[in-house]
Amino acid sequence: MPLGLIALSLVPIIAGSLRLVELSGGAAILPAKPTSPLPLVLHIVSASLYSVLGAFQFSSGFRRRRPGWHRVAGRLLVVLGLVVALSALWLTIFTPLFEGSGRLYQVFRLVFGSAMVLSIVLGFLAIRRRDVARHRAWMIRAYAIALAAGAQVFTLGIGEAIVGKGDTSNALFAGAGWVINLAVAEWVIRRRPARRVVPARARAQR
């Protein structure tokens, strides 16, 4: 699972890296967007780290081999996740609309960015109460929202192929990326682990 999640976030990480190269004075590769450099840098760096480190939180084998990892990485991920969401909200509110964006897209960003902040805060409060189940659920939701950029590579690409570019269509297909990720997250949260079946002979020997 960690490798699959990292693969899903690979395209946004590469795009973010190219944007950092541009901001540092390199050649312009991606379409220009009016924005503030500092919040954008914070967003790109924190989102990349959050995507990669967060993926390993889903590996039960990794947690068993390194029991201290989950707790230490979890604290760091709370900080990184809040930086991801809050910088996204700042960019949404204070950055002028660019081509392919619109009011509906802006509303979606505000809604899902706020939902990510709320999910992280509720997840943190849950683990402080030692409510592991609720902590797990809220952190999965927060990670799903953050990883929507990977899903949007596909939903926006499909949307552009079907109906072309447009503010409304871009917003709807980007929103589909968030919805799909959250739907998968809810399935993971509610999925019951398969019960281990013990053969009758083994039961008799107990």
C-alpha atoms as a PDB file:
ATOM      1  CA  MET A   1       0.000   0.000   0.000  1.00  0.00           C
ATOM      2  CA  PRO A   2       2.706   2.605   0.772  1.00  0.00           C
ATOM      3  CA  LEU A   3       4.220   2.197  -2.690  1.00  0.00           C
ATOM      4  CA  GLY A   4       0.811   2.575  -4.332  1.00  0.00           C
ATOM      5  CA  LEU A   5       0.060   5.747  -2.369  1.00  0.00           C
ATOM      6  CA  ILE A   6       3.466   7.217  -3.178  1.00  0.00           C
ATOM      7  CA  ALA A   7       2.935   6.377  -6.858  1.00  0.00           C
ATOM      8  CA  LEU A   8      -0.400   8.215  -6.776  1.00  0.00           C
ATOM      9  CA  SER A   9       1.292  11.316  -5.390  1.00  0.00           C
ATOM     10  CA  LEU A  10       4.278  11.113  -7.754  1.00  0.00           C
ATOM     11  CA  VAL A  11       2.935  13.418 -10.486  1.00  0.00           C
ATOM     12  CA  PRO A  12       1.966  16.244  -8.053  1.00  0.00           C
ATOM     13  CA  ILE A  13       5.364  15.893  -6.350  1.00  0.00           C
ATOM     14  CA  ILE A  14       7.170  16.191  -9.700  1.00  0.00           C
ATOM     15  CA  ALA A  15       5.021  19.180 -10.696  1.00  0.00           C
ATOM     16  CA  GLY A  16       5.714  20.817  -7.353  1.00  0.00           C
ATOM     17  CA  SER A  17       9.447  20.214  -7.745  1.00  0.00           C
ATOM     18  CA  LEU A  18       9.407  21.860 -11.182  1.00  0.00           C
ATOM     19  CA  ARG A  19       7.577  24.838  -9.696  1.00  0.00           C
ATOM     20  CA  LEU A  20      10.258  25.131  -6.987  1.00  0.00           C
ATOM     21  CA  VAL A  21      12.933  25.126  -9.688  1.00  0.00           C
ATOM     22  CA  GLU A  22      11.127  28.000 -11.404  1.00  0.00           C
ATOM     23  CA  LEU A  23      10.832  29.954  -8.164  1.00  0.00           C
ATOM     24  CA  SER A  24      14.553  29.530  -7.524  1.00  0.00           C
ATOM     25  CA  GLY A  25      15.345  31.178 -10.872  1.00  0.00           C
ATOM     26  CA  GLY A  26      15.230  28.211 -13.203  1.00  0.00           C
ATOM     27  CA  ALA A  27      13.558  28.064 -16.602  1.00  0.00           C
ATOM     28  CA  ALA A  28       9.762  28.296 -16.673  1.00  0.00           C
ATOM     29  CA  ILE A  29       8.339  24.867 -17.515  1.00  0.00           C
ATOM     30  CA  LEU A  30       4.794  24.908 -16.166  1.00  0.00           C
ATOM     31  CA  PRO A  31       2.096  27.463 -17.049  1.00  0.00           C
ATOM     32  CA  ALA A  32       2.586  30.686 -15.106  1.00  0.00           C
ATOM     33  CA  LYS A  33       0.212  31.355 -12.211  1.00  0.00           C
ATOM     34  CA  PRO A  34       0.069  34.554 -10.132  1.00  0.00           C
ATOM     35  CA  THR A  35       0.872  33.569  -6.576  1.00  0.00           C
ATOM     36  CA  SER A  36       2.898  34.380  -3.464  1.00  0.00           C
ATOM     37  CA  PRO A  37       6.201  32.484  -3.355  1.00  0.00           C
ATOM     38  CA  LEU A  38       6.467  31.745   0.383  1.00  0.00           C
ATOM     39  CA  PRO A  39       3.024  30.108   0.891  1.00  0.00           C
ATOM     40  CA  LEU A  40       3.510  28.176  -2.360  1.00  0.00           C
ATOM     41  CA  VAL A  41       6.914  26.851  -1.264  1.00  0.00           C
ATOM     42  CA  LEU A  42       5.509  25.862   2.128  1.00  0.00           C
ATOM     43  CA  HIS A  43       2.602  24.109   0.424  1.00  0.00           C
ATOM     44  CA  ILE A  44       4.747  22.169  -2.057  1.00  0.00           C
ATOM     45  CA  VAL A  45       7.365  21.032   0.459  1.00  0.00           C
ATOM     46  CA  SER A  46       4.888  20.100   3.188  1.00  0.00           C
ATOM     47  CA  ALA A  47       2.548  18.321   0.743  1.00  0.00           C
ATOM     48  CA  SER A  48       5.403  16.255  -0.699  1.00  0.00           C
ATOM     49  CA  LEU A  49       6.644  15.193   2.737  1.00  0.00           C
ATOM     50  CA  TYR A  50       3.107  14.568   3.982  1.00  0.00           C
ATOM     51  CA  SER A  51       2.297  12.328   1.012  1.00  0.00           C
ATOM     52  CA  VAL A  52       5.429  10.189   1.339  1.00  0.00           C
ATOM     53  CA  LEU A  53       5.639   9.916   5.137  1.00  0.00           C
ATOM     54  CA  GLY A  54       1.896   9.447   5.466  1.00  0.00           C
ATOM     55  CA  ALA A  55       1.945   6.488   3.082  1.00  0.00           C
ATOM     56  CA  PHE A  56       4.041   4.428   5.514  1.00  0.00           C
ATOM     57  CA  GLN A  57       1.481   4.943   8.281  1.00  0.00           C
ATOM     58  CA  PHE A  58      -0.753   2.510   6.365  1.00  0.00           C
ATOM     59  CA  SER A  59       1.771  -0.356   6.514  1.00  0.00           C
ATOM     60  CA  SER A  60       0.987  -2.622   9.470  1.00  0.00           C
ATOM     61  CA  GLY A  61       4.179  -4.589   8.870  1.00  0.00           C
ATOM     62  CA  PHE A  62       6.275  -1.434   8.956  1.00  0.00           C
ATOM     63  CA  ARG A  63       4.615  -0.398  12.216  1.00  0.00           C
ATOM     64  CA  ARG A  64       5.335  -3.803  13.766  1.00  0.00           C
ATOM     65  CA  ARG A  65       8.998  -3.687  12.801  1.00  0.00           C
ATOM     66  CA  ARG A  66       9.398  -0.095  13.975  1.00  0.00           C
ATOM     67  CA  PRO A  67       6.857   0.462  16.749  1.00  0.00           C
ATOM     68  CA  GLY A  68       8.160   3.940  17.587  1.00  0.00           C
ATOM     69  CA  TRP A  69       7.879   5.136  14.008  1.00  0.00           C
ATOM     70  CA  HIS A  70       4.110   5.565  13.959  1.00  0.00           C
ATOM     71  CA  ARG A  71       4.053   7.841  16.993  1.00  0.00           C
ATOM     72  CA  VAL A  72       7.036  10.004  16.009  1.00  0.00           C
ATOM     73  CA  ALA A  73       5.978  10.276  12.370  1.00  0.00           C
ATOM     74  CA  GLY A  74       2.400  10.937  13.432  1.00  0.00           C
ATOM     75  CA  ARG A  75       3.392  14.043  15.381  1.00  0.00           C
ATOM     76  CA  LEU A  76       5.347  15.339  12.392  1.00  0.00           C
ATOM     77  CA  LEU A  77       2.468  14.529  10.045  1.00  0.00           C
ATOM     78  CA  VAL A  78       0.031  16.572  12.148  1.00  0.00           C
ATOM     79  CA  VAL A  79       2.250  19.636  11.671  1.00  0.00           C
ATOM     80  CA  LEU A  80       2.871  18.933   7.981  1.00  0.00           C
ATOM     81  CA  GLY A  81      -0.822  18.291   7.322  1.00  0.00           C
ATOM     82  CA  LEU A  82      -1.860  21.557   8.934  1.00  0.00           C
ATOM     83  CA  VAL A  83       0.754  23.436   6.887  1.00  0.00           C
ATOM     84  CA  VAL A  84      -0.539  21.740   3.718  1.00  0.00           C
ATOM     85  CA  ALA A  85      -4.160  22.673   4.401  1.00  0.00           C
ATOM     86  CA  LEU A  86      -3.609  26.164   5.798  1.00  0.00           C
ATOM     87  CA  SER A  87      -1.211  27.165   3.003  1.00  0.00           C
ATOM     88  CA  ALA A  88      -3.742  25.849   0.467  1.00  0.00           C
ATOM     89  CA  LEU A  89      -6.449  27.963   2.082  1.00  0.00           C
ATOM     90  CA  TRP A  90      -4.177  31.025   2.082  1.00  0.00           C
ATOM     91  CA  LEU A  91      -3.353  30.555  -1.601  1.00  0.00           C
ATOM     92  CA  THR A  92      -7.028  30.056  -2.423  1.00  0.00           C
ATOM     93  CA  ILE A  93      -8.128  33.230  -0.649  1.00  0.00           C
ATOM     94  CA  PHE A  94      -5.296  35.600  -1.580  1.00  0.00           C
ATOM     95  CA  THR A  95      -4.179  34.380  -5.028  1.00  0.00           C
ATOM     96  CA  PRO A  96      -5.984  35.814  -8.079  1.00  0.00           C
ATOM     97  CA  LEU A  97      -7.977  33.358 -10.159  1.00  0.00           C
ATOM     98  CA  PHE A  98      -5.993  31.934 -13.069  1.00  0.00           C
ATOM     99  CA  GLU A  99      -6.996  30.348 -16.374  1.00  0.00           C
ATOM    100  CA  GLY A 100      -8.964  27.149 -15.852  1.00  0.00           C
ATOM    101  CA  SER A 101      -9.966  28.189 -12.353  1.00  0.00           C
ATOM    102  CA  GLY A 102     -13.173  29.824 -11.249  1.00  0.00           C
ATOM    103  CA  ARG A 103     -15.402  30.596  -8.308  1.00  0.00           C
ATOM    104  CA  LEU A 104     -16.725  27.048  -8.038  1.00  0.00           C
ATOM    105  CA  TYR A 105     -13.184  25.636  -8.016  1.00  0.00           C
ATOM    106  CA  GLN A 106     -12.314  28.186  -5.340  1.00  0.00           C
ATOM    107  CA  VAL A 107     -15.287  27.110  -3.214  1.00  0.00           C
ATOM    108  CA  PHE A 108     -14.227  23.460  -3.518  1.00  0.00           C
ATOM    109  CA  ARG A 109     -10.717  24.331  -2.378  1.00  0.00           C
ATOM    110  CA  LEU A 110     -12.050  26.217   0.619  1.00  0.00           C
ATOM    111  CA  VAL A 111     -14.431  23.400   1.583  1.00  0.00           C
ATOM    112  CA  PHE A 112     -11.950  20.547   1.273  1.00  0.00           C
ATOM    113  CA  GLY A 113      -9.056  22.539   2.738  1.00  0.00           C
ATOM    114  CA  SER A 114     -11.168  23.365   5.781  1.00  0.00           C
ATOM    115  CA  ALA A 115     -12.289  19.725   5.985  1.00  0.00           C
ATOM    116  CA  MET A 116      -8.651  18.625   6.062  1.00  0.00           C
ATOM    117  CA  VAL A 117      -7.851  21.005   8.918  1.00  0.00           C
ATOM    118  CA  LEU A 118     -10.894  19.776  10.841  1.00  0.00           C
ATOM    119  CA  SER A 119     -10.016  16.113  10.217  1.00  0.00           C
ATOM    120  CA  ILE A 120      -6.465  16.553  11.519  1.00  0.00           C
ATOM    121  CA  VAL A 121      -7.632  18.424  14.619  1.00  0.00           C
ATOM    122  CA  LEU A 122     -10.315  15.811  15.393  1.00  0.00           C
ATOM    123  CA  GLY A 123      -7.826  13.006  14.799  1.00  0.00           C
ATOM    124  CA  PHE A 124      -5.312  14.607  17.146  1.00  0.00           C
ATOM    125  CA  LEU A 125      -7.923  15.144  19.859  1.00  0.00           C
ATOM    126  CA  ALA A 126      -9.095  11.542  19.470  1.00  0.00           C
ATOM    127  CA  ILE A 127      -5.651  10.059  20.087  1.00  0.00           C
ATOM    128  CA  ARG A 128      -5.230  12.344  23.096  1.00  0.00           C
ATOM    129  CA  ARG A 129      -8.326  10.581  24.480  1.00  0.00           C
ATOM    130  CA  ARG A 130      -6.774   7.230  23.419  1.00  0.00           C
ATOM    131  CA  ASP A 131      -9.633   6.693  20.977  1.00  0.00           C
ATOM    132  CA  VAL A 132      -7.595   4.852  18.358  1.00  0.00           C
ATOM    133  CA  ALA A 133     -10.512   4.021  16.054  1.00  0.00           C
ATOM    134  CA  ARG A 134     -11.649   7.633  15.679  1.00  0.00           C
ATOM    135  CA  HIS A 135      -8.049   8.822  15.405  1.00  0.00           C
ATOM    136  CA  ARG A 136      -7.441   6.377  12.560  1.00  0.00           C
ATOM    137  CA  ALA A 137     -10.649   7.370  10.764  1.00  0.00           C
ATOM    138  CA  TRP A 138     -10.016  11.109  10.851  1.00  0.00           C
ATOM    139  CA  MET A 139      -6.370  10.803   9.838  1.00  0.00           C
ATOM    140  CA  ILE A 140      -7.304   8.596   6.883  1.00  0.00           C
ATOM    141  CA  ARG A 141      -9.826  11.220   5.758  1.00  0.00           C
ATOM    142  CA  ALA A 142      -7.227  13.995   6.051  1.00  0.00           C
ATOM    143  CA  TYR A 143      -4.706  11.994   4.030  1.00  0.00           C
ATOM    144  CA  ALA A 144      -7.336  11.211   1.381  1.00  0.00           C
ATOM    145  CA  ILE A 145      -8.074  14.918   0.946  1.00  0.00           C
ATOM    146  CA  ALA A 146      -4.378  15.752   0.631  1.00  0.00           C
ATOM    147  CA  LEU A 147      -3.792  12.963  -1.879  1.00  0.00           C
ATOM    148  CA  ALA A 148      -6.639  14.175  -4.104  1.00  0.00           C
ATOM    149  CA  ALA A 149      -4.072  16.018  -6.219  1.00  0.00           C
ATOM    150  CA  GLY A 150      -2.950  12.607  -7.475  1.00  0.00           C
ATOM    151  CA  ALA A 151      -6.498  11.512  -8.300  1.00  0.00           C
ATOM    152  CA  GLN A 152      -7.153  14.842 -10.013  1.00  0.00           C
ATOM    153  CA  VAL A 153      -4.410  14.106 -12.515  1.00  0.00           C
ATOM    154  CA  PHE A 154      -6.759  11.425 -13.861  1.00  0.00           C
ATOM    155  CA  THR A 155     -10.144  13.099 -13.320  1.00  0.00           C
ATOM    156  CA  LEU A 156      -9.052  16.397 -14.893  1.00  0.00           C
ATOM    157  CA  GLY A 157      -7.360  14.557 -17.746  1.00  0.00           C
ATOM    158  CA  ILE A 158     -10.507  12.543 -18.441  1.00  0.00           C
ATOM    159  CA  GLY A 159     -12.676  15.645 -18.103  1.00  0.00           C
ATOM    160  CA  GLU A 160     -10.549  17.601 -20.562  1.00  0.00           C
ATOM    161  CA  ALA A 161     -10.688  14.704 -23.048  1.00  0.00           C
ATOM    162  CA  ILE A 162     -14.490  14.496 -22.774  1.00  0.00           C
ATOM    163  CA  VAL A 163     -15.697  18.099 -22.556  1.00  0.00           C
ATOM    164  CA  GLY A 164     -12.564  20.207 -23.002  1.00  0.00           C
ATOM    165  CA  LYS A 165     -11.255  22.919 -20.713  1.00  0.00           C
ATOM    166  CA  GLY A 166     -13.535  25.258 -18.836  1.00  0.00           C
ATOM    167  CA  ASP A 167     -13.889  26.788 -15.399  1.00  0.00           C
ATOM    168  CA  THR A 168     -16.993  24.804 -14.465  1.00  0.00           C
ATOM    169  CA  SER A 169     -15.882  21.483 -15.930  1.00  0.00           C
ATOM    170  CA  ASN A 170     -12.435  21.818 -14.321  1.00  0.00           C
ATOM    171  CA  ALA A 171     -14.060  22.479 -10.956  1.00  0.00           C
ATOM    172  CA  LEU A 172     -16.420  19.523 -11.253  1.00  0.00           C
ATOM    173  CA  PHE A 173     -13.747  17.051 -12.330  1.00  0.00           C
ATOM    174  CA  ALA A 174     -11.361  18.315  -9.651  1.00  0.00           C
ATOM    175  CA  GLY A 175     -14.167  17.905  -7.133  1.00  0.00           C
ATOM    176  CA  ALA A 176     -14.597  14.345  -8.407  1.00  0.00           C
ATOM    177  CA  GLY A 177     -10.992  13.665  -7.375  1.00  0.00           C
ATOM    178  CA  TRP A 178     -11.711  14.711  -3.795  1.00  0.00           C
ATOM    179  CA  VAL A 179     -14.978  12.759  -3.694  1.00  0.00           C
ATOM    180  CA  ILE A 180     -13.401   9.574  -5.080  1.00  0.00           C
ATOM    181  CA  ASN A 181     -10.560   9.703  -2.564  1.00  0.00           C
ATOM    182  CA  LEU A 182     -12.938  10.278   0.338  1.00  0.00           C
ATOM    183  CA  ALA A 183     -15.184   7.445  -0.851  1.00  0.00           C
ATOM    184  CA  VAL A 184     -12.193   5.083  -0.879  1.00  0.00           C
ATOM    185  CA  ALA A 185     -11.173   6.398   2.548  1.00  0.00           C
ATOM    186  CA  GLU A 186     -14.626   5.626   3.972  1.00  0.00           C
ATOM    187  CA  TRP A 187     -14.440   2.117   2.517  1.00  0.00           C
ATOM    188  CA  VAL A 188     -11.033   1.579   4.172  1.00  0.00           C
ATOM    189  CA  ILE A 189     -12.314   2.939   7.491  1.00  0.00           C
ATOM    190  CA  ARG A 190     -15.375   0.675   7.512  1.00  0.00           C
ATOM    191  CA  ARG A 191     -13.679  -2.392   6.092  1.00  0.00           C
ATOM    192  CA  ARG A 192     -13.503  -5.232   8.573  1.00  0.00           C
ATOM    193  CA  PRO A 193     -10.296  -7.264   8.536  1.00  0.00           C
ATOM    194  CA  ALA A 194     -10.771 -10.822   7.386  1.00  0.00           C
ATOM    195  CA  ARG A 195     -11.151 -13.185  10.313  1.00  0.00           C
ATOM    196  CA  ARG A 196      -8.478 -15.807  10.561  1.00  0.00           C
ATOM    197  CA  VAL A 197      -9.972 -19.258  10.126  1.00  0.00           C
ATOM    198  CA  VAL A 198      -8.418 -21.896  12.391  1.00  0.00           C
ATOM    199  CA  PRO A 199      -8.600 -25.472  11.069  1.00  0.00           C
ATOM    200  CA  ALA A 200     -10.606 -27.929  13.165  1.00  0.00           C
ATOM    201  CA  ARG A 201      -7.539 -30.092  13.839  1.00  0.00           C
ATOM    202  CA  ALA A 202      -5.637 -27.070  15.139  1.00  0.00           C
ATOM    203  CA  ARG A 203      -8.585 -26.116  17.376  1.00  0.00           C
ATOM    204  CA  ALA A 204      -8.718 -29.630  18.798  1.00  0.00           C
ATOM    205  CA  GLN A 205      -5.019 -29.531  19.685  1.00  0.00           C
ATOM    206  CA  ARG A 206      -5.411 -26.346  21.721  1.00  0.00           C
END
